[in-house]
């Protein structure tokens, strides 16, 4: 069995990756490993230069947080199954932890795990013709906060509306409980074959979210803003849009996610992933603040740099959102022991 490991930089994840390798090799003589660090993967993905051939890989193990896992999904491109491992920051996707490592290793070696397949959406830049797939969402925003962008939305060549908004999010059902929900998008339960289109703070309040068949071709044209418009893939990969037109469609290959648990309570996982928002205390706050609030609920305490990396939001937007949440008494912070220049943010 050939295993590719994608490993986050933090020492705690590096150590857990070594433990996983030790457990696997001590129980089987027929395993080979290759690995890539998350920072190496970041550089190549951002520059669109990653060409690693994973056809000989049988399984990808992502050791890190949600961001590490999403990049691993991007890397696998629907070719190989991916399992999320983490010694901390347990997320919706995590299947391997120190608590169930023995069970997880046995499942991997016996191939008794299950594979869940999820639709992805893919963006096509009309100028560069580059294709960028996303497991959760594709977000289109001006690269500076507090800037509106104008756009025209069409669906299978049918005009839907033209408007101005802070941005627009195109989400898979899996991503419906993430950033799209923060922008008042609907929750898609049961992995239906649909795509969600959610305008963010549209000036015209009649421009509601749209639920479209997954096979639809979504065209966003006449894109204009005072600053450069960017596309953010799963909060991890940020690209400038070269032209005024992009198309988003269903990816040809689904993401393959390994599940160790035989009896997965999806309802429970969704419940844990969602936040029972205090609507009164969050009334009027920007979607970015709601998104970060839910992120801290889901992922646990994080530094500002981790929030920026996980969300893909500009640093100024994150700072402003943290200030708003702090002023409302929803979050607190304390000094980060590993780096005195940073603070750890957490829900109160």
C-alpha atoms as a PDB file:
ATOM      1  CA  UNK A   1       0.000   0.000   0.000  1.00  0.00           C
ATOM      2  CA  UNK A   2       1.364   3.415  -1.028  1.00  0.00           C
ATOM      3  CA  UNK A   3       0.381   6.238   1.322  1.00  0.00           C
ATOM      4  CA  UNK A   4       0.915   9.935   0.702  1.00  0.00           C
ATOM      5  CA  UNK A   5       0.927  12.086   3.848  1.00  0.00           C
ATOM      6  CA  UNK A   6       0.191  15.815   3.765  1.00  0.00           C
ATOM      7  CA  UNK A   7       1.501  17.224   7.037  1.00  0.00           C
ATOM      8  CA  UNK A   8       0.925  20.611   8.681  1.00  0.00           C
ATOM      9  CA  UNK A   9       3.951  22.489   9.969  1.00  0.00           C
ATOM     10  CA  UNK A  10       3.184  22.519  13.695  1.00  0.00           C
ATOM     11  CA  UNK A  11       5.280  20.132  15.761  1.00  0.00           C
ATOM     12  CA  UNK A  12       2.209  18.521  17.306  1.00  0.00           C
ATOM     13  CA  UNK A  13       0.990  17.457  13.849  1.00  0.00           C
ATOM     14  CA  UNK A  14       4.467  16.354  12.773  1.00  0.00           C
ATOM     15  CA  UNK A  15       4.693  14.158  15.858  1.00  0.00           C
ATOM     16  CA  UNK A  16       1.236  12.685  15.231  1.00  0.00           C
ATOM     17  CA  UNK A  17       2.196  11.903  11.633  1.00  0.00           C
ATOM     18  CA  UNK A  18       5.250  10.017  12.907  1.00  0.00           C
ATOM     19  CA  UNK A  19       3.037   8.085  15.326  1.00  0.00           C
ATOM     20  CA  UNK A  20       0.650   7.124  12.520  1.00  0.00           C
ATOM     21  CA  UNK A  21       3.551   5.908  10.364  1.00  0.00           C
ATOM     22  CA  UNK A  22       4.986   3.915  13.265  1.00  0.00           C
ATOM     23  CA  UNK A  23       1.629   2.261  13.964  1.00  0.00           C
ATOM     24  CA  UNK A  24       1.062   1.371  10.319  1.00  0.00           C
ATOM     25  CA  UNK A  25       4.557  -0.033   9.710  1.00  0.00           C
ATOM     26  CA  UNK A  26       4.542  -2.029  12.947  1.00  0.00           C
ATOM     27  CA  UNK A  27       1.396  -3.804  11.774  1.00  0.00           C
ATOM     28  CA  UNK A  28       2.327  -4.334   8.132  1.00  0.00           C
ATOM     29  CA  UNK A  29       5.465  -4.892   6.068  1.00  0.00           C
ATOM     30  CA  UNK A  30       3.786  -3.877   2.841  1.00  0.00           C
ATOM     31  CA  UNK A  31       3.499  -0.097   3.235  1.00  0.00           C
ATOM     32  CA  UNK A  32       5.492   2.693   1.614  1.00  0.00           C
ATOM     33  CA  UNK A  33       5.243   6.371   2.474  1.00  0.00           C
ATOM     34  CA  UNK A  34       5.804   9.642   0.673  1.00  0.00           C
ATOM     35  CA  UNK A  35       5.031  13.028   2.156  1.00  0.00           C
ATOM     36  CA  UNK A  36       4.700  16.719   1.483  1.00  0.00           C
ATOM     37  CA  UNK A  37       4.480  19.515   4.013  1.00  0.00           C
ATOM     38  CA  UNK A  38       1.560  21.911   3.950  1.00  0.00           C
ATOM     39  CA  UNK A  39       3.861  24.887   3.297  1.00  0.00           C
ATOM     40  CA  UNK A  40       5.365  23.150   0.248  1.00  0.00           C
ATOM     41  CA  UNK A  41       1.873  22.414  -1.004  1.00  0.00           C
ATOM     42  CA  UNK A  42       0.781  26.020  -0.363  1.00  0.00           C
ATOM     43  CA  UNK A  43       3.550  27.429  -2.545  1.00  0.00           C
ATOM     44  CA  UNK A  44       2.877  25.156  -5.477  1.00  0.00           C
ATOM     45  CA  UNK A  45      -0.915  25.454  -5.322  1.00  0.00           C
ATOM     46  CA  UNK A  46      -0.838  29.257  -5.215  1.00  0.00           C
ATOM     47  CA  UNK A  47       1.460  29.323  -8.235  1.00  0.00           C
ATOM     48  CA  UNK A  48      -0.491  26.600 -10.085  1.00  0.00           C
ATOM     49  CA  UNK A  49       2.738  24.621 -10.454  1.00  0.00           C
ATOM     50  CA  UNK A  50       1.865  21.465  -8.549  1.00  0.00           C
ATOM     51  CA  UNK A  51       2.267  18.473 -10.858  1.00  0.00           C
ATOM     52  CA  UNK A  52       2.820  15.592  -8.445  1.00  0.00           C
ATOM     53  CA  UNK A  53       1.649  12.296  -9.900  1.00  0.00           C
ATOM     54  CA  UNK A  54      -0.523  10.516  -7.329  1.00  0.00           C
ATOM     55  CA  UNK A  55      -1.707   7.697  -9.589  1.00  0.00           C
ATOM     56  CA  UNK A  56       0.482   5.228  -7.678  1.00  0.00           C
ATOM     57  CA  UNK A  57      -0.918   6.450  -4.345  1.00  0.00           C
ATOM     58  CA  UNK A  58      -3.555   4.285  -2.689  1.00  0.00           C
ATOM     59  CA  UNK A  59      -4.499   6.622   0.151  1.00  0.00           C
ATOM     60  CA  UNK A  60      -3.861  10.225   1.179  1.00  0.00           C
ATOM     61  CA  UNK A  61      -3.615  10.952   4.908  1.00  0.00           C
ATOM     62  CA  UNK A  62      -4.022  14.606   5.842  1.00  0.00           C
ATOM     63  CA  UNK A  63      -2.460  15.387   9.223  1.00  0.00           C
ATOM     64  CA  UNK A  64      -3.410  18.850  10.433  1.00  0.00           C
ATOM     65  CA  UNK A  65      -6.477  21.039  10.639  1.00  0.00           C
ATOM     66  CA  UNK A  66      -9.397  21.621   8.270  1.00  0.00           C
ATOM     67  CA  UNK A  67      -7.252  23.755   5.970  1.00  0.00           C
ATOM     68  CA  UNK A  68      -4.737  20.935   5.586  1.00  0.00           C
ATOM     69  CA  UNK A  69      -7.539  18.539   4.721  1.00  0.00           C
ATOM     70  CA  UNK A  70      -9.108  20.843   2.123  1.00  0.00           C
ATOM     71  CA  UNK A  71      -5.737  21.277   0.409  1.00  0.00           C
ATOM     72  CA  UNK A  72      -5.314  17.502   0.427  1.00  0.00           C
ATOM     73  CA  UNK A  73      -8.704  17.163  -1.280  1.00  0.00           C
ATOM     74  CA  UNK A  74      -7.568  19.692  -3.887  1.00  0.00           C
ATOM     75  CA  UNK A  75      -4.371  17.689  -4.378  1.00  0.00           C
ATOM     76  CA  UNK A  76      -6.161  14.334  -4.729  1.00  0.00           C
ATOM     77  CA  UNK A  77      -8.582  15.826  -7.297  1.00  0.00           C
ATOM     78  CA  UNK A  78     -11.062  12.990  -6.894  1.00  0.00           C
ATOM     79  CA  UNK A  79      -8.461  10.408  -7.912  1.00  0.00           C
ATOM     80  CA  UNK A  80      -7.695   8.968  -4.479  1.00  0.00           C
ATOM     81  CA  UNK A  81      -9.482   8.753  -1.126  1.00  0.00           C
ATOM     82  CA  UNK A  82      -8.408  11.136   1.627  1.00  0.00           C
ATOM     83  CA  UNK A  83      -8.621  10.601   5.389  1.00  0.00           C
ATOM     84  CA  UNK A  84      -8.352  13.474   7.869  1.00  0.00           C
ATOM     85  CA  UNK A  85      -6.131  12.937  10.914  1.00  0.00           C
ATOM     86  CA  UNK A  86      -5.598  15.387  13.743  1.00  0.00           C
ATOM     87  CA  UNK A  87      -4.234  15.273  17.262  1.00  0.00           C
ATOM     88  CA  UNK A  88      -6.231  18.416  18.071  1.00  0.00           C
ATOM     89  CA  UNK A  89      -8.643  20.858  16.380  1.00  0.00           C
ATOM     90  CA  UNK A  90     -11.094  18.047  15.653  1.00  0.00           C
ATOM     91  CA  UNK A  91     -13.409  19.016  12.784  1.00  0.00           C
ATOM     92  CA  UNK A  92     -16.390  17.672  10.846  1.00  0.00           C
ATOM     93  CA  UNK A  93     -13.996  15.700   8.643  1.00  0.00           C
ATOM     94  CA  UNK A  94     -11.627  14.237  11.258  1.00  0.00           C
ATOM     95  CA  UNK A  95     -11.530  10.431  11.375  1.00  0.00           C
ATOM     96  CA  UNK A  96      -8.132   9.647  12.939  1.00  0.00           C
ATOM     97  CA  UNK A  97      -7.292  10.907  16.435  1.00  0.00           C
ATOM     98  CA  UNK A  98      -5.029   9.662  19.230  1.00  0.00           C
ATOM     99  CA  UNK A  99      -8.150   8.181  20.868  1.00  0.00           C
ATOM    100  CA  UNK A 100      -9.075   5.889  17.950  1.00  0.00           C
ATOM    101  CA  UNK A 101      -5.684   5.439  16.286  1.00  0.00           C
ATOM    102  CA  UNK A 102      -5.544   1.670  16.796  1.00  0.00           C
ATOM    103  CA  UNK A 103      -8.998   1.207  15.271  1.00  0.00           C
ATOM    104  CA  UNK A 104      -8.201   3.556  12.389  1.00  0.00           C
ATOM    105  CA  UNK A 105      -4.929   1.785  11.567  1.00  0.00           C
ATOM    106  CA  UNK A 106      -6.676  -1.606  11.570  1.00  0.00           C
ATOM    107  CA  UNK A 107      -9.370  -0.240   9.239  1.00  0.00           C
ATOM    108  CA  UNK A 108      -6.802   1.181   6.832  1.00  0.00           C
ATOM    109  CA  UNK A 109      -4.776  -2.026   6.683  1.00  0.00           C
ATOM    110  CA  UNK A 110      -7.861  -4.197   6.180  1.00  0.00           C
ATOM    111  CA  UNK A 111      -9.499  -1.608   3.890  1.00  0.00           C
ATOM    112  CA  UNK A 112     -12.672  -1.968   5.941  1.00  0.00           C
ATOM    113  CA  UNK A 113     -13.391   1.744   5.887  1.00  0.00           C
ATOM    114  CA  UNK A 114     -16.132   3.375   3.850  1.00  0.00           C
ATOM    115  CA  UNK A 115     -15.701   6.146   1.298  1.00  0.00           C
ATOM    116  CA  UNK A 116     -18.181   9.006   1.148  1.00  0.00           C
ATOM    117  CA  UNK A 117     -18.322  10.809  -2.189  1.00  0.00           C
ATOM    118  CA  UNK A 118     -19.235  14.478  -2.387  1.00  0.00           C
ATOM    119  CA  UNK A 119     -19.879  16.760  -5.341  1.00  0.00           C
ATOM    120  CA  UNK A 120     -17.445  19.565  -5.948  1.00  0.00           C
ATOM    121  CA  UNK A 121     -17.865  22.760  -7.912  1.00  0.00           C
ATOM    122  CA  UNK A 122     -15.211  23.951 -10.326  1.00  0.00           C
ATOM    123  CA  UNK A 123     -14.452  27.463 -11.520  1.00  0.00           C
ATOM    124  CA  UNK A 124     -13.332  28.239 -15.054  1.00  0.00           C
ATOM    125  CA  UNK A 125     -11.658  31.584 -15.688  1.00  0.00           C
ATOM    126  CA  UNK A 126     -12.730  32.684 -19.166  1.00  0.00           C
ATOM    127  CA  UNK A 127      -9.352  34.312 -19.857  1.00  0.00           C
ATOM    128  CA  UNK A 128      -6.800  31.920 -18.341  1.00  0.00           C
ATOM    129  CA  UNK A 129      -9.052  28.879 -18.877  1.00  0.00           C
ATOM    130  CA  UNK A 130      -7.781  27.632 -15.513  1.00  0.00           C
ATOM    131  CA  UNK A 131      -9.987  25.170 -13.627  1.00  0.00           C
ATOM    132  CA  UNK A 132     -10.150  25.357  -9.831  1.00  0.00           C
ATOM    133  CA  UNK A 133     -12.306  22.817  -7.947  1.00  0.00           C
ATOM    134  CA  UNK A 134     -13.757  23.338  -4.462  1.00  0.00           C
ATOM    135  CA  UNK A 135     -15.242  20.940  -1.938  1.00  0.00           C
ATOM    136  CA  UNK A 136     -17.079  23.584   0.105  1.00  0.00           C
ATOM    137  CA  UNK A 137     -17.391  26.821  -1.824  1.00  0.00           C
ATOM    138  CA  UNK A 138     -16.039  29.239  -4.377  1.00  0.00           C
ATOM    139  CA  UNK A 139     -16.186  32.821  -3.094  1.00  0.00           C
ATOM    140  CA  UNK A 140     -15.773  35.853  -5.355  1.00  0.00           C
ATOM    141  CA  UNK A 141     -14.883  39.145  -3.641  1.00  0.00           C
ATOM    142  CA  UNK A 142     -12.975  42.375  -4.221  1.00  0.00           C
ATOM    143  CA  UNK A 143      -9.550  42.001  -2.654  1.00  0.00           C
ATOM    144  CA  UNK A 144     -10.166  44.964  -0.341  1.00  0.00           C
ATOM    145  CA  UNK A 145     -12.863  44.943   2.299  1.00  0.00           C
ATOM    146  CA  UNK A 146     -15.720  47.473   2.245  1.00  0.00           C
ATOM    147  CA  UNK A 147     -15.715  47.463  -1.565  1.00  0.00           C
ATOM    148  CA  UNK A 148     -18.772  46.569  -3.623  1.00  0.00           C
ATOM    149  CA  UNK A 149     -18.625  44.620  -6.857  1.00  0.00           C
ATOM    150  CA  UNK A 150     -21.172  44.546  -9.660  1.00  0.00           C
ATOM    151  CA  UNK A 151     -22.039  41.397 -11.548  1.00  0.00           C
ATOM    152  CA  UNK A 152     -24.647  39.654 -13.679  1.00  0.00           C
ATOM    153  CA  UNK A 153     -25.816  36.172 -12.723  1.00  0.00           C
ATOM    154  CA  UNK A 154     -27.088  33.751 -15.370  1.00  0.00           C
ATOM    155  CA  UNK A 155     -28.028  30.109 -15.017  1.00  0.00           C
ATOM    156  CA  UNK A 156     -27.886  27.854 -18.093  1.00  0.00           C
ATOM    157  CA  UNK A 157     -27.963  31.037 -20.209  1.00  0.00           C
ATOM    158  CA  UNK A 158     -31.069  32.255 -18.365  1.00  0.00           C
ATOM    159  CA  UNK A 159     -30.739  35.712 -16.854  1.00  0.00           C
ATOM    160  CA  UNK A 160     -31.341  35.675 -13.076  1.00  0.00           C
ATOM    161  CA  UNK A 161     -30.394  39.160 -11.896  1.00  0.00           C
ATOM    162  CA  UNK A 162     -27.823  41.919 -12.121  1.00  0.00           C
ATOM    163  CA  UNK A 163     -26.728  43.645  -8.967  1.00  0.00           C
ATOM    164  CA  UNK A 164     -24.091  44.936  -6.597  1.00  0.00           C
ATOM    165  CA  UNK A 165     -22.951  43.165  -3.459  1.00  0.00           C
ATOM    166  CA  UNK A 166     -19.961  42.615  -1.196  1.00  0.00           C
ATOM    167  CA  UNK A 167     -19.401  39.363  -3.038  1.00  0.00           C
ATOM    168  CA  UNK A 168     -21.011  36.133  -4.137  1.00  0.00           C
ATOM    169  CA  UNK A 169     -20.593  32.556  -2.879  1.00  0.00           C
ATOM    170  CA  UNK A 170     -21.224  29.402  -4.902  1.00  0.00           C
ATOM    171  CA  UNK A 171     -21.477  26.484  -2.495  1.00  0.00           C
ATOM    172  CA  UNK A 172     -21.826  22.714  -2.558  1.00  0.00           C
ATOM    173  CA  UNK A 173     -24.328  21.077  -0.187  1.00  0.00           C
ATOM    174  CA  UNK A 174     -21.408  20.105   2.043  1.00  0.00           C
ATOM    175  CA  UNK A 175     -20.316  23.740   2.235  1.00  0.00           C
ATOM    176  CA  UNK A 176     -23.817  25.026   2.958  1.00  0.00           C
ATOM    177  CA  UNK A 177     -23.152  25.097   6.713  1.00  0.00           C
ATOM    178  CA  UNK A 178     -20.007  27.197   6.305  1.00  0.00           C
ATOM    179  CA  UNK A 179     -19.432  30.598   4.753  1.00  0.00           C
ATOM    180  CA  UNK A 180     -22.642  30.409   2.683  1.00  0.00           C
ATOM    181  CA  UNK A 181     -24.729  30.019   5.842  1.00  0.00           C
ATOM    182  CA  UNK A 182     -23.081  33.125   7.300  1.00  0.00           C
ATOM    183  CA  UNK A 183     -24.422  35.046   4.297  1.00  0.00           C
ATOM    184  CA  UNK A 184     -27.961  33.741   4.994  1.00  0.00           C
ATOM    185  CA  UNK A 185     -27.798  30.838   2.576  1.00  0.00           C
ATOM    186  CA  UNK A 186     -29.934  27.704   3.155  1.00  0.00           C
ATOM    187  CA  UNK A 187     -28.720  24.470   4.723  1.00  0.00           C
ATOM    188  CA  UNK A 188     -28.657  21.561   2.252  1.00  0.00           C
ATOM    189  CA  UNK A 189     -29.215  18.385   4.229  1.00  0.00           C
ATOM    190  CA  UNK A 190     -28.676  14.869   2.884  1.00  0.00           C
ATOM    191  CA  UNK A 191     -26.097  15.682   0.178  1.00  0.00           C
ATOM    192  CA  UNK A 192     -28.666  16.594  -2.536  1.00  0.00           C
ATOM    193  CA  UNK A 193     -27.544  17.052  -6.141  1.00  0.00           C
ATOM    194  CA  UNK A 194     -27.699  20.857  -6.079  1.00  0.00           C
ATOM    195  CA  UNK A 195     -25.529  23.969  -6.045  1.00  0.00           C
ATOM    196  CA  UNK A 196     -26.216  27.048  -3.913  1.00  0.00           C
ATOM    197  CA  UNK A 197     -25.624  30.614  -5.113  1.00  0.00           C
ATOM    198  CA  UNK A 198     -25.567  33.173  -2.292  1.00  0.00           C
ATOM    199  CA  UNK A 199     -25.033  36.933  -2.778  1.00  0.00           C
ATOM    200  CA  UNK A 200     -23.292  38.564   0.184  1.00  0.00           C
ATOM    201  CA  UNK A 201     -24.989  41.723   1.449  1.00  0.00           C
ATOM    202  CA  UNK A 202     -26.663  42.588  -1.877  1.00  0.00           C
ATOM    203  CA  UNK A 203     -27.849  46.172  -2.216  1.00  0.00           C
ATOM    204  CA  UNK A 204     -31.091  44.872  -3.707  1.00  0.00           C
ATOM    205  CA  UNK A 205     -32.688  42.825  -0.927  1.00  0.00           C
ATOM    206  CA  UNK A 206     -34.824  40.992  -3.508  1.00  0.00           C
ATOM    207  CA  UNK A 207     -31.695  39.235  -4.736  1.00  0.00           C
ATOM    208  CA  UNK A 208     -32.132  36.079  -2.688  1.00  0.00           C
ATOM    209  CA  UNK A 209     -29.985  32.924  -2.660  1.00  0.00           C
ATOM    210  CA  UNK A 210     -30.610  30.577  -5.584  1.00  0.00           C
ATOM    211  CA  UNK A 211     -30.737  26.772  -5.429  1.00  0.00           C
ATOM    212  CA  UNK A 212     -29.794  25.271  -8.792  1.00  0.00           C
ATOM    213  CA  UNK A 213     -29.455  21.716 -10.143  1.00  0.00           C
ATOM    214  CA  UNK A 214     -25.861  20.562  -9.777  1.00  0.00           C
ATOM    215  CA  UNK A 215     -25.550  20.068 -13.554  1.00  0.00           C
ATOM    216  CA  UNK A 216     -26.330  23.740 -14.222  1.00  0.00           C
ATOM    217  CA  UNK A 217     -23.731  26.078 -15.687  1.00  0.00           C
ATOM    218  CA  UNK A 218     -23.459  29.188 -13.544  1.00  0.00           C
ATOM    219  CA  UNK A 219     -22.122  32.261 -15.338  1.00  0.00           C
ATOM    220  CA  UNK A 220     -21.052  35.379 -13.489  1.00  0.00           C
ATOM    221  CA  UNK A 221     -20.364  38.128 -15.984  1.00  0.00           C
ATOM    222  CA  UNK A 222     -19.762  41.891 -16.070  1.00  0.00           C
ATOM    223  CA  UNK A 223     -17.627  41.596 -12.956  1.00  0.00           C
ATOM    224  CA  UNK A 224     -16.426  45.041 -11.939  1.00  0.00           C
ATOM    225  CA  UNK A 225     -15.075  46.672  -8.802  1.00  0.00           C
ATOM    226  CA  UNK A 226     -12.792  49.554  -7.892  1.00  0.00           C
ATOM    227  CA  UNK A 227     -10.165  47.038  -6.803  1.00  0.00           C
ATOM    228  CA  UNK A 228      -8.955  43.690  -8.095  1.00  0.00           C
ATOM    229  CA  UNK A 229     -11.552  40.913  -7.858  1.00  0.00           C
ATOM    230  CA  UNK A 230     -10.362  37.587  -6.490  1.00  0.00           C
ATOM    231  CA  UNK A 231     -11.711  34.088  -6.218  1.00  0.00           C
ATOM    232  CA  UNK A 232     -11.151  32.120  -3.001  1.00  0.00           C
ATOM    233  CA  UNK A 233     -11.283  28.330  -3.206  1.00  0.00           C
ATOM    234  CA  UNK A 234     -12.379  26.650   0.038  1.00  0.00           C
ATOM    235  CA  UNK A 235     -10.822  29.503   1.992  1.00  0.00           C
ATOM    236  CA  UNK A 236      -7.380  28.155   1.041  1.00  0.00           C
ATOM    237  CA  UNK A 237      -6.417  29.182  -2.481  1.00  0.00           C
ATOM    238  CA  UNK A 238      -6.705  32.767  -3.639  1.00  0.00           C
ATOM    239  CA  UNK A 239      -6.519  33.712  -7.330  1.00  0.00           C
ATOM    240  CA  UNK A 240      -6.986  36.974  -9.192  1.00  0.00           C
ATOM    241  CA  UNK A 241      -9.665  36.951 -11.868  1.00  0.00           C
ATOM    242  CA  UNK A 242      -8.114  37.974 -15.175  1.00  0.00           C
ATOM    243  CA  UNK A 243     -11.336  38.838 -16.985  1.00  0.00           C
ATOM    244  CA  UNK A 244     -14.917  39.920 -16.316  1.00  0.00           C
ATOM    245  CA  UNK A 245     -16.483  36.498 -16.841  1.00  0.00           C
ATOM    246  CA  UNK A 246     -16.250  33.233 -14.969  1.00  0.00           C
ATOM    247  CA  UNK A 247     -18.171  29.992 -15.180  1.00  0.00           C
ATOM    248  CA  UNK A 248     -18.847  27.572 -12.342  1.00  0.00           C
ATOM    249  CA  UNK A 249     -20.049  24.046 -12.959  1.00  0.00           C
ATOM    250  CA  UNK A 250     -20.139  20.634 -11.370  1.00  0.00           C
ATOM    251  CA  UNK A 251     -16.727  18.956 -11.190  1.00  0.00           C
ATOM    252  CA  UNK A 252     -16.409  15.756 -13.181  1.00  0.00           C
ATOM    253  CA  UNK A 253     -14.865  13.878 -10.240  1.00  0.00           C
ATOM    254  CA  UNK A 254     -16.293  13.747  -6.754  1.00  0.00           C
ATOM    255  CA  UNK A 255     -14.172  14.097  -3.631  1.00  0.00           C
ATOM    256  CA  UNK A 256     -13.553  10.780  -1.889  1.00  0.00           C
ATOM    257  CA  UNK A 257     -13.504  11.062   1.906  1.00  0.00           C
ATOM    258  CA  UNK A 258     -12.620   8.096   4.091  1.00  0.00           C
ATOM    259  CA  UNK A 259     -14.860   7.343   7.075  1.00  0.00           C
ATOM    260  CA  UNK A 260     -13.671   4.947   9.759  1.00  0.00           C
ATOM    261  CA  UNK A 261     -16.844   4.969  11.847  1.00  0.00           C
ATOM    262  CA  UNK A 262     -19.337   2.382  10.670  1.00  0.00           C
ATOM    263  CA  UNK A 263     -22.372   4.174  12.120  1.00  0.00           C
ATOM    264  CA  UNK A 264     -21.956   7.811  11.229  1.00  0.00           C
ATOM    265  CA  UNK A 265     -24.533  10.101  12.763  1.00  0.00           C
ATOM    266  CA  UNK A 266     -24.630  12.782  10.084  1.00  0.00           C
ATOM    267  CA  UNK A 267     -27.358  14.701  11.912  1.00  0.00           C
ATOM    268  CA  UNK A 268     -25.162  14.855  14.998  1.00  0.00           C
ATOM    269  CA  UNK A 269     -22.165  15.957  12.962  1.00  0.00           C
ATOM    270  CA  UNK A 270     -24.166  18.692  11.298  1.00  0.00           C
ATOM    271  CA  UNK A 271     -25.515  19.801  14.656  1.00  0.00           C
ATOM    272  CA  UNK A 272     -21.985  20.042  16.001  1.00  0.00           C
ATOM    273  CA  UNK A 273     -20.861  21.890  12.892  1.00  0.00           C
ATOM    274  CA  UNK A 274     -23.604  24.481  13.164  1.00  0.00           C
ATOM    275  CA  UNK A 275     -23.864  27.168  15.784  1.00  0.00           C
ATOM    276  CA  UNK A 276     -27.071  28.083  17.528  1.00  0.00           C
ATOM    277  CA  UNK A 277     -26.510  31.757  16.895  1.00  0.00           C
ATOM    278  CA  UNK A 278     -27.739  34.356  19.314  1.00  0.00           C
ATOM    279  CA  UNK A 279     -29.550  36.310  16.585  1.00  0.00           C
ATOM    280  CA  UNK A 280     -30.105  39.311  18.778  1.00  0.00           C
ATOM    281  CA  UNK A 281     -26.443  39.684  19.733  1.00  0.00           C
ATOM    282  CA  UNK A 282     -25.295  39.078  16.135  1.00  0.00           C
ATOM    283  CA  UNK A 283     -27.927  41.241  14.479  1.00  0.00           C
ATOM    284  CA  UNK A 284     -26.357  43.627  12.000  1.00  0.00           C
ATOM    285  CA  UNK A 285     -22.843  42.175  12.114  1.00  0.00           C
ATOM    286  CA  UNK A 286     -21.144  41.491   8.756  1.00  0.00           C
ATOM    287  CA  UNK A 287     -21.064  37.943   7.352  1.00  0.00           C
ATOM    288  CA  UNK A 288     -17.321  37.781   7.996  1.00  0.00           C
ATOM    289  CA  UNK A 289     -17.895  38.162  11.746  1.00  0.00           C
ATOM    290  CA  UNK A 290     -20.612  35.468  11.717  1.00  0.00           C
ATOM    291  CA  UNK A 291     -18.323  33.200   9.724  1.00  0.00           C
ATOM    292  CA  UNK A 292     -15.444  33.632  12.185  1.00  0.00           C
ATOM    293  CA  UNK A 293     -17.821  33.149  15.122  1.00  0.00           C
ATOM    294  CA  UNK A 294     -18.971  29.817  13.668  1.00  0.00           C
ATOM    295  CA  UNK A 295     -15.391  28.872  12.803  1.00  0.00           C
ATOM    296  CA  UNK A 296     -14.284  29.339  16.412  1.00  0.00           C
ATOM    297  CA  UNK A 297     -17.256  27.259  17.526  1.00  0.00           C
ATOM    298  CA  UNK A 298     -16.406  24.461  15.087  1.00  0.00           C
ATOM    299  CA  UNK A 299     -12.614  24.467  15.196  1.00  0.00           C
ATOM    300  CA  UNK A 300     -12.004  25.721  18.737  1.00  0.00           C
ATOM    301  CA  UNK A 301      -9.589  28.448  19.759  1.00  0.00           C
ATOM    302  CA  UNK A 302      -7.387  29.889  17.014  1.00  0.00           C
ATOM    303  CA  UNK A 303      -4.801  32.602  16.449  1.00  0.00           C
ATOM    304  CA  UNK A 304      -5.516  35.478  14.089  1.00  0.00           C
ATOM    305  CA  UNK A 305      -3.117  34.056  11.505  1.00  0.00           C
ATOM    306  CA  UNK A 306      -4.880  30.672  11.696  1.00  0.00           C
ATOM    307  CA  UNK A 307      -8.249  32.378  11.163  1.00  0.00           C
ATOM    308  CA  UNK A 308      -6.891  34.223   8.122  1.00  0.00           C
ATOM    309  CA  UNK A 309      -5.448  31.005   6.706  1.00  0.00           C
ATOM    310  CA  UNK A 310      -8.602  28.990   7.339  1.00  0.00           C
ATOM    311  CA  UNK A 311     -11.089  31.551   5.989  1.00  0.00           C
ATOM    312  CA  UNK A 312      -9.085  33.109   3.174  1.00  0.00           C
ATOM    313  CA  UNK A 313     -10.379  36.511   4.277  1.00  0.00           C
ATOM    314  CA  UNK A 314      -8.147  39.603   4.086  1.00  0.00           C
ATOM    315  CA  UNK A 315      -6.277  40.364   7.304  1.00  0.00           C
ATOM    316  CA  UNK A 316      -8.049  43.710   7.649  1.00  0.00           C
ATOM    317  CA  UNK A 317     -11.455  42.008   7.402  1.00  0.00           C
ATOM    318  CA  UNK A 318     -10.453  39.452  10.053  1.00  0.00           C
ATOM    319  CA  UNK A 319      -9.167  42.150  12.412  1.00  0.00           C
ATOM    320  CA  UNK A 320     -12.386  44.117  12.026  1.00  0.00           C
ATOM    321  CA  UNK A 321     -14.541  41.019  12.579  1.00  0.00           C
ATOM    322  CA  UNK A 322     -12.595  40.084  15.722  1.00  0.00           C
ATOM    323  CA  UNK A 323     -13.001  43.624  17.017  1.00  0.00           C
ATOM    324  CA  UNK A 324     -16.781  43.489  16.463  1.00  0.00           C
ATOM    325  CA  UNK A 325     -17.119  40.103  18.167  1.00  0.00           C
ATOM    326  CA  UNK A 326     -14.967  41.270  21.059  1.00  0.00           C
ATOM    327  CA  UNK A 327     -16.986  44.456  21.532  1.00  0.00           C
ATOM    328  CA  UNK A 328     -20.157  42.371  21.653  1.00  0.00           C
ATOM    329  CA  UNK A 329     -18.630  40.200  24.358  1.00  0.00           C
ATOM    330  CA  UNK A 330     -18.803  37.037  22.230  1.00  0.00           C
ATOM    331  CA  UNK A 331     -15.092  36.205  22.146  1.00  0.00           C
ATOM    332  CA  UNK A 332     -12.097  36.564  24.396  1.00  0.00           C
ATOM    333  CA  UNK A 333      -8.378  36.344  23.846  1.00  0.00           C
ATOM    334  CA  UNK A 334      -5.242  35.357  25.706  1.00  0.00           C
ATOM    335  CA  UNK A 335      -1.549  35.325  24.956  1.00  0.00           C
ATOM    336  CA  UNK A 336      -0.287  32.541  22.689  1.00  0.00           C
ATOM    337  CA  UNK A 337       2.469  30.791  24.649  1.00  0.00           C
ATOM    338  CA  UNK A 338       4.326  29.598  21.541  1.00  0.00           C
ATOM    339  CA  UNK A 339       4.545  33.121  20.104  1.00  0.00           C
ATOM    340  CA  UNK A 340       4.149  36.119  22.394  1.00  0.00           C
ATOM    341  CA  UNK A 341       3.383  38.336  19.393  1.00  0.00           C
ATOM    342  CA  UNK A 342       0.086  36.523  18.805  1.00  0.00           C
ATOM    343  CA  UNK A 343      -3.102  35.982  20.749  1.00  0.00           C
ATOM    344  CA  UNK A 344      -5.452  33.017  20.954  1.00  0.00           C
ATOM    345  CA  UNK A 345      -9.133  33.837  20.290  1.00  0.00           C
ATOM    346  CA  UNK A 346     -11.939  31.772  21.791  1.00  0.00           C
ATOM    347  CA  UNK A 347     -15.696  31.901  22.342  1.00  0.00           C
ATOM    348  CA  UNK A 348     -16.893  33.129  25.725  1.00  0.00           C
END
